[in-house]
Amino acid sequence: MLAESQTGIYVASGILFLLPSSLLFVAWSRLPLVEAALATARWRKYVAKSGMLTASLSTLVNIIWNASWLHNGGSPHGMGAAPGIWQSLGPLLVWTFGIATFSSLFGKGKFRILGWSLSMFFVFQMVYILQID
């Protein structure tokens, strides 16, 4: 019974991560079209690309962090999980999320990346809510 409930939370978190991942996929696939259609400054293109790259890294780190946290018995009730990779990835997760969100303010297509930020926050909170017994 316990293994089934753990499998369910992994599947649910995987499904939840489809939203920010699909937003990033759309942003990456539309980037060449936006660059070709708009004459943007070179620095703005670099900031937009670095922001999207950081957002991609942040999504990957968040997936790994959540899987490790859940695997080590993470609890939304204020109790800490057992030591694991989630502890060392925590600061990287926060910094990459902050940098991606901040750098998205300078690029074109900022609504997709800001939408990604909101969807990542939503996923992060929903994993905790779904894990509550």
N, C-alpha and C. Protein backbone atom coordinates (compact mmCIF):
# COMPACT_ATOMS: atom_id res chain seq x y z
N MET A 1 0.82 -1.19 0.00
CA MET A 1 0.00 0.00 0.00
C MET A 1 0.86 1.26 0.00
N LEU A 2 1.93 1.25 0.79
CA LEU A 2 2.81 2.41 0.86
C LEU A 2 3.50 2.66 -0.48
N ALA A 3 3.92 1.59 -1.15
CA ALA A 3 4.59 1.75 -2.44
C ALA A 3 3.64 2.35 -3.47
N GLU A 4 2.36 1.98 -3.42
CA GLU A 4 1.39 2.54 -4.36
C GLU A 4 1.20 4.03 -4.14
N SER A 5 1.14 4.46 -2.88
CA SER A 5 0.95 5.88 -2.62
C SER A 5 2.19 6.68 -3.03
N GLN A 6 3.37 6.11 -2.86
CA GLN A 6 4.58 6.81 -3.30
C GLN A 6 4.64 6.88 -4.82
N THR A 7 4.24 5.83 -5.48
CA THR A 7 4.22 5.86 -6.95
C THR A 7 3.24 6.92 -7.44
N GLY A 8 2.11 7.03 -6.77
CA GLY A 8 1.11 8.02 -7.16
C GLY A 8 1.62 9.44 -7.07
N ILE A 9 2.37 9.76 -6.03
CA ILE A 9 2.87 11.13 -5.89
C ILE A 9 3.95 11.42 -6.93
N TYR A 10 4.75 10.40 -7.30
CA TYR A 10 5.73 10.59 -8.36
C TYR A 10 5.05 10.85 -9.70
N VAL A 11 4.00 10.08 -9.98
CA VAL A 11 3.26 10.27 -11.23
C VAL A 11 2.59 11.63 -11.24
N ALA A 12 1.97 12.00 -10.12
CA ALA A 12 1.30 13.30 -10.04
C ALA A 12 2.29 14.45 -10.22
N SER A 13 3.45 14.35 -9.59
CA SER A 13 4.43 15.43 -9.75
C SER A 13 4.98 15.47 -11.17
N GLY A 14 5.13 14.31 -11.80
CA GLY A 14 5.55 14.28 -13.20
C GLY A 14 4.53 14.94 -14.11
N ILE A 15 3.26 14.67 -13.85
CA ILE A 15 2.19 15.30 -14.64
C ILE A 15 2.18 16.81 -14.40
N LEU A 16 2.37 17.22 -13.15
CA LEU A 16 2.39 18.65 -12.85
C LEU A 16 3.54 19.37 -13.56
N PHE A 17 4.68 18.70 -13.69
CA PHE A 17 5.83 19.32 -14.35
C PHE A 17 5.67 19.42 -15.86
N LEU A 18 4.62 18.82 -16.41
CA LEU A 18 4.37 18.97 -17.85
C LEU A 18 4.01 20.41 -18.22
N LEU A 19 3.35 21.12 -17.32
CA LEU A 19 2.95 22.51 -17.61
C LEU A 19 4.16 23.43 -17.78
N PRO A 20 5.06 23.54 -16.80
CA PRO A 20 6.21 24.44 -17.04
C PRO A 20 7.12 23.94 -18.15
N SER A 21 7.23 22.62 -18.29
CA SER A 21 8.08 22.09 -19.36
C SER A 21 7.51 22.42 -20.73
N SER A 22 6.20 22.35 -20.89
CA SER A 22 5.60 22.68 -22.18
C SER A 22 5.71 24.17 -22.47
N LEU A 23 5.59 25.01 -21.45
CA LEU A 23 5.79 26.44 -21.66
C LEU A 23 7.21 26.75 -22.11
N LEU A 24 8.19 26.07 -21.52
CA LEU A 24 9.58 26.26 -21.96
C LEU A 24 9.79 25.75 -23.37
N PHE A 25 9.16 24.63 -23.70
CA PHE A 25 9.29 24.08 -25.05
C PHE A 25 8.75 25.07 -26.08
N VAL A 26 7.59 25.65 -25.80
CA VAL A 26 7.01 26.63 -26.71
C VAL A 26 7.91 27.87 -26.81
N ALA A 27 8.44 28.31 -25.70
CA ALA A 27 9.32 29.49 -25.71
C ALA A 27 10.58 29.23 -26.53
N TRP A 28 11.18 28.05 -26.37
CA TRP A 28 12.38 27.72 -27.14
C TRP A 28 12.07 27.56 -28.62
N SER A 29 10.93 26.95 -28.94
CA SER A 29 10.61 26.72 -30.35
C SER A 29 10.24 28.02 -31.07
N ARG A 30 9.71 28.98 -30.36
CA ARG A 30 9.32 30.25 -30.98
C ARG A 30 10.44 31.29 -30.96
N LEU A 31 11.52 31.01 -30.28
CA LEU A 31 12.61 31.99 -30.18
C LEU A 31 13.18 32.40 -31.53
N PRO A 32 13.49 31.48 -32.45
CA PRO A 32 14.01 31.93 -33.75
C PRO A 32 13.01 32.78 -34.53
N LEU A 33 11.74 32.47 -34.42
CA LEU A 33 10.72 33.27 -35.12
C LEU A 33 10.64 34.68 -34.57
N VAL A 34 10.73 34.79 -33.26
CA VAL A 34 10.66 36.11 -32.62
C VAL A 34 11.89 36.92 -32.96
N GLU A 35 13.06 36.28 -32.95
CA GLU A 35 14.29 37.00 -33.27
C GLU A 35 14.30 37.47 -34.72
N ALA A 36 13.75 36.65 -35.62
CA ALA A 36 13.73 37.04 -37.03
C ALA A 36 12.73 38.16 -37.29
N ALA A 37 11.62 38.15 -36.59
CA ALA A 37 10.58 39.15 -36.82
C ALA A 37 10.88 40.49 -36.17
N LEU A 38 11.56 40.46 -35.05
CA LEU A 38 11.82 41.70 -34.32
C LEU A 38 13.30 42.04 -34.36
N ALA A 39 13.58 43.29 -34.55
CA ALA A 39 14.96 43.76 -34.49
C ALA A 39 15.23 44.17 -33.04
N THR A 40 15.80 43.25 -32.29
CA THR A 40 16.09 43.55 -30.88
C THR A 40 17.58 43.77 -30.71
N ALA A 41 17.92 44.46 -29.67
CA ALA A 41 19.32 44.72 -29.38
C ALA A 41 20.04 43.41 -29.05
N ARG A 42 21.30 43.36 -29.37
CA ARG A 42 22.08 42.14 -29.15
C ARG A 42 22.11 41.75 -27.68
N TRP A 43 22.27 42.73 -26.79
CA TRP A 43 22.33 42.41 -25.37
C TRP A 43 21.01 41.83 -24.88
N ARG A 44 19.92 42.31 -25.50
CA ARG A 44 18.60 41.81 -25.09
C ARG A 44 18.42 40.36 -25.52
N LYS A 45 18.93 40.01 -26.70
CA LYS A 45 18.87 38.61 -27.16
C LYS A 45 19.67 37.71 -26.23
N TYR A 46 20.85 38.17 -25.82
CA TYR A 46 21.69 37.36 -24.93
C TYR A 46 21.03 37.16 -23.58
N VAL A 47 20.43 38.22 -23.06
CA VAL A 47 19.76 38.11 -21.77
C VAL A 47 18.55 37.18 -21.87
N ALA A 48 17.80 37.29 -22.97
CA ALA A 48 16.63 36.41 -23.14
C ALA A 48 17.05 34.96 -23.26
N LYS A 49 18.09 34.69 -24.04
CA LYS A 49 18.56 33.31 -24.19
C LYS A 49 19.12 32.77 -22.88
N SER A 50 19.88 33.60 -22.17
CA SER A 50 20.42 33.12 -20.89
C SER A 50 19.32 32.90 -19.88
N GLY A 51 18.27 33.73 -19.93
CA GLY A 51 17.13 33.54 -19.04
C GLY A 51 16.40 32.25 -19.33
N MET A 52 16.23 31.94 -20.61
CA MET A 52 15.55 30.69 -20.97
C MET A 52 16.42 29.48 -20.64
N LEU A 53 17.71 29.62 -20.82
CA LEU A 53 18.62 28.53 -20.45
C LEU A 53 18.59 28.30 -18.94
N THR A 54 18.59 29.39 -18.18
CA THR A 54 18.52 29.29 -16.73
C THR A 54 17.17 28.71 -16.30
N ALA A 55 16.10 29.08 -16.98
CA ALA A 55 14.78 28.52 -16.66
C ALA A 55 14.75 27.02 -16.94
N SER A 56 15.39 26.60 -18.02
CA SER A 56 15.46 25.17 -18.32
C SER A 56 16.25 24.43 -17.25
N LEU A 57 17.37 25.01 -16.84
CA LEU A 57 18.17 24.41 -15.77
C LEU A 57 17.38 24.37 -14.47
N SER A 58 16.66 25.43 -14.17
CA SER A 58 15.88 25.49 -12.95
C SER A 58 14.77 24.43 -12.95
N THR A 59 14.15 24.21 -14.09
CA THR A 59 13.12 23.18 -14.19
C THR A 59 13.71 21.80 -13.93
N LEU A 60 14.85 21.53 -14.54
CA LEU A 60 15.52 20.24 -14.34
C LEU A 60 15.92 20.06 -12.88
N VAL A 61 16.50 21.09 -12.28
CA VAL A 61 16.89 21.02 -10.87
C VAL A 61 15.67 20.83 -9.97
N ASN A 62 14.57 21.48 -10.30
CA ASN A 62 13.36 21.34 -9.50
C ASN A 62 12.80 19.93 -9.59
N ILE A 63 12.85 19.32 -10.76
CA ILE A 63 12.39 17.94 -10.91
C ILE A 63 13.26 17.01 -10.06
N ILE A 64 14.57 17.18 -10.14
CA ILE A 64 15.48 16.33 -9.36
C ILE A 64 15.30 16.59 -7.87
N TRP A 65 15.15 17.86 -7.49
CA TRP A 65 14.97 18.20 -6.08
C TRP A 65 13.71 17.56 -5.53
N ASN A 66 12.60 17.68 -6.26
CA ASN A 66 11.34 17.09 -5.79
C ASN A 66 11.42 15.57 -5.70
N ALA A 67 12.03 14.94 -6.68
CA ALA A 67 12.15 13.48 -6.64
C ALA A 67 13.01 13.05 -5.45
N SER A 68 14.10 13.75 -5.20
CA SER A 68 14.96 13.42 -4.06
C SER A 68 14.25 13.69 -2.74
N TRP A 69 13.55 14.81 -2.65
CA TRP A 69 12.84 15.15 -1.42
C TRP A 69 11.76 14.13 -1.12
N LEU A 70 11.01 13.74 -2.14
CA LEU A 70 9.97 12.73 -1.94
C LEU A 70 10.58 11.36 -1.60
N HIS A 71 11.68 11.02 -2.26
CA HIS A 71 12.33 9.74 -2.01
C HIS A 71 12.87 9.64 -0.58
N ASN A 72 13.32 10.77 -0.04
CA ASN A 72 13.89 10.78 1.30
C ASN A 72 12.84 11.07 2.38
N GLY A 73 11.59 10.99 2.02
CA GLY A 73 10.52 11.12 3.01
C GLY A 73 10.16 12.54 3.36
N GLY A 74 10.23 13.45 2.41
CA GLY A 74 9.87 14.84 2.66
C GLY A 74 8.47 14.97 3.19
N SER A 75 8.29 15.92 4.07
CA SER A 75 6.99 16.07 4.70
C SER A 75 6.54 17.52 4.65
N PRO A 76 5.31 17.77 4.24
CA PRO A 76 4.79 19.13 4.23
C PRO A 76 4.38 19.59 5.62
N HIS A 77 4.50 18.75 6.62
CA HIS A 77 4.05 19.07 7.97
C HIS A 77 5.13 19.72 8.82
N GLY A 78 6.19 20.21 8.21
CA GLY A 78 7.23 20.90 8.96
C GLY A 78 8.38 20.01 9.40
N MET A 79 8.27 18.74 9.18
CA MET A 79 9.36 17.83 9.55
C MET A 79 10.31 17.73 8.37
N GLY A 80 11.57 17.68 8.64
CA GLY A 80 12.55 17.59 7.58
C GLY A 80 12.65 16.18 7.03
N ALA A 81 13.05 16.09 5.80
CA ALA A 81 13.27 14.79 5.19
C ALA A 81 14.65 14.30 5.58
N ALA A 82 14.90 13.03 5.32
CA ALA A 82 16.23 12.47 5.56
C ALA A 82 17.24 13.17 4.66
N PRO A 83 18.50 13.19 5.07
CA PRO A 83 19.51 13.84 4.23
C PRO A 83 19.55 13.23 2.83
N GLY A 84 19.77 14.07 1.87
CA GLY A 84 19.84 13.61 0.48
C GLY A 84 20.30 14.74 -0.42
N ILE A 85 20.28 14.47 -1.71
CA ILE A 85 20.73 15.46 -2.69
C ILE A 85 19.85 16.71 -2.68
N TRP A 86 18.63 16.58 -2.20
CA TRP A 86 17.71 17.72 -2.17
C TRP A 86 18.26 18.86 -1.32
N GLN A 87 19.06 18.54 -0.29
CA GLN A 87 19.61 19.60 0.56
C GLN A 87 20.63 20.45 -0.19
N SER A 88 21.49 19.81 -0.96
CA SER A 88 22.51 20.58 -1.69
C SER A 88 21.94 21.28 -2.92
N LEU A 89 20.84 20.77 -3.46
CA LEU A 89 20.23 21.40 -4.63
C LEU A 89 19.32 22.57 -4.27
N GLY A 90 18.94 22.70 -3.02
CA GLY A 90 18.03 23.76 -2.60
C GLY A 90 18.49 25.16 -2.96
N PRO A 91 19.72 25.56 -2.58
CA PRO A 91 20.17 26.91 -2.95
C PRO A 91 20.27 27.11 -4.46
N LEU A 92 20.73 26.08 -5.19
CA LEU A 92 20.81 26.19 -6.64
C LEU A 92 19.42 26.37 -7.24
N LEU A 93 18.44 25.68 -6.70
CA LEU A 93 17.07 25.81 -7.17
C LEU A 93 16.55 27.23 -6.97
N VAL A 94 16.78 27.77 -5.81
CA VAL A 94 16.28 29.13 -5.52
C VAL A 94 16.98 30.16 -6.41
N TRP A 95 18.29 30.05 -6.55
CA TRP A 95 19.03 31.03 -7.35
C TRP A 95 18.68 30.94 -8.83
N THR A 96 18.59 29.74 -9.38
CA THR A 96 18.26 29.63 -10.81
C THR A 96 16.84 30.11 -11.08
N PHE A 97 15.92 29.82 -10.17
CA PHE A 97 14.55 30.30 -10.34
C PHE A 97 14.52 31.83 -10.30
N GLY A 98 15.22 32.43 -9.35
CA GLY A 98 15.25 33.89 -9.24
C GLY A 98 15.91 34.55 -10.43
N ILE A 99 17.03 34.00 -10.89
CA ILE A 99 17.74 34.58 -12.04
C ILE A 99 16.90 34.46 -13.30
N ALA A 100 16.27 33.31 -13.50
CA ALA A 100 15.43 33.14 -14.70
C ALA A 100 14.25 34.09 -14.69
N THR A 101 13.63 34.24 -13.55
CA THR A 101 12.49 35.15 -13.45
C THR A 101 12.92 36.60 -13.67
N PHE A 102 14.03 37.01 -13.06
CA PHE A 102 14.52 38.38 -13.21
C PHE A 102 14.97 38.67 -14.63
N SER A 103 15.71 37.74 -15.24
CA SER A 103 16.21 37.99 -16.59
C SER A 103 15.10 37.97 -17.63
N SER A 104 13.98 37.34 -17.31
CA SER A 104 12.87 37.33 -18.27
C SER A 104 12.26 38.72 -18.45
N LEU A 105 12.49 39.59 -17.51
CA LEU A 105 11.94 40.95 -17.62
C LEU A 105 12.59 41.76 -18.73
N PHE A 106 13.77 41.33 -19.20
CA PHE A 106 14.49 42.07 -20.23
C PHE A 106 14.30 41.53 -21.63
N GLY A 107 13.71 40.36 -21.77
CA GLY A 107 13.59 39.73 -23.08
C GLY A 107 12.21 39.90 -23.68
N LYS A 108 12.14 39.60 -24.96
CA LYS A 108 10.84 39.55 -25.65
C LYS A 108 10.18 38.23 -25.28
N GLY A 109 8.89 38.18 -25.35
CA GLY A 109 8.17 36.97 -24.98
C GLY A 109 8.18 36.73 -23.49
N LYS A 110 8.21 37.82 -22.74
CA LYS A 110 8.34 37.70 -21.29
C LYS A 110 7.13 37.05 -20.64
N PHE A 111 6.00 37.07 -21.31
CA PHE A 111 4.81 36.47 -20.70
C PHE A 111 4.93 34.95 -20.62
N ARG A 112 5.61 34.34 -21.59
CA ARG A 112 5.81 32.90 -21.52
C ARG A 112 6.71 32.53 -20.35
N ILE A 113 7.79 33.29 -20.16
CA ILE A 113 8.72 32.97 -19.08
C ILE A 113 8.11 33.35 -17.74
N LEU A 114 7.39 34.45 -17.67
CA LEU A 114 6.70 34.78 -16.42
C LEU A 114 5.60 33.76 -16.14
N GLY A 115 4.96 33.25 -17.19
CA GLY A 115 4.01 32.16 -17.03
C GLY A 115 4.70 30.91 -16.52
N TRP A 116 5.92 30.68 -17.00
CA TRP A 116 6.71 29.55 -16.51
C TRP A 116 6.98 29.73 -15.02
N SER A 117 7.34 30.93 -14.60
CA SER A 117 7.62 31.19 -13.18
C SER A 117 6.39 30.89 -12.33
N LEU A 118 5.25 31.36 -12.76
CA LEU A 118 4.02 31.10 -12.01
C LEU A 118 3.67 29.62 -12.00
N SER A 119 3.88 28.95 -13.13
CA SER A 119 3.57 27.52 -13.17
C SER A 119 4.54 26.72 -12.32
N MET A 120 5.79 27.14 -12.25
CA MET A 120 6.76 26.44 -11.38
C MET A 120 6.37 26.62 -9.91
N PHE A 121 5.95 27.81 -9.54
CA PHE A 121 5.50 28.04 -8.18
C PHE A 121 4.27 27.19 -7.88
N PHE A 122 3.35 27.12 -8.83
CA PHE A 122 2.15 26.30 -8.68
C PHE A 122 2.52 24.83 -8.49
N VAL A 123 3.43 24.32 -9.31
CA VAL A 123 3.85 22.92 -9.20
C VAL A 123 4.51 22.67 -7.85
N PHE A 124 5.37 23.57 -7.45
CA PHE A 124 6.09 23.42 -6.18
C PHE A 124 5.09 23.32 -5.02
N GLN A 125 4.07 24.14 -5.03
CA GLN A 125 3.08 24.11 -3.95
C GLN A 125 2.15 22.90 -4.06
N MET A 126 1.79 22.51 -5.27
CA MET A 126 0.89 21.38 -5.45
C MET A 126 1.52 20.06 -5.03
N VAL A 127 2.82 19.92 -5.19
CA VAL A 127 3.48 18.69 -4.74
C VAL A 127 3.32 18.55 -3.22
N TYR A 128 3.47 19.66 -2.51
CA TYR A 128 3.28 19.62 -1.06
C TYR A 128 1.84 19.31 -0.69
N ILE A 129 0.90 19.93 -1.38
CA ILE A 129 -0.51 19.71 -1.07
C ILE A 129 -0.90 18.27 -1.37
N LEU A 130 -0.43 17.72 -2.48
CA LEU A 130 -0.79 16.35 -2.82
C LEU A 130 -0.18 15.32 -1.88
N GLN A 131 0.92 15.69 -1.25
CA GLN A 131 1.57 14.72 -0.37
C GLN A 131 0.93 14.65 1.01
N ILE A 132 0.14 15.63 1.35
CA ILE A 132 -0.50 15.63 2.67
C ILE A 132 -1.39 14.39 2.77
N ASP A 133 -1.27 13.70 3.86
CA ASP A 133 -1.99 12.43 4.03
C ASP A 133 -3.47 12.62 4.07
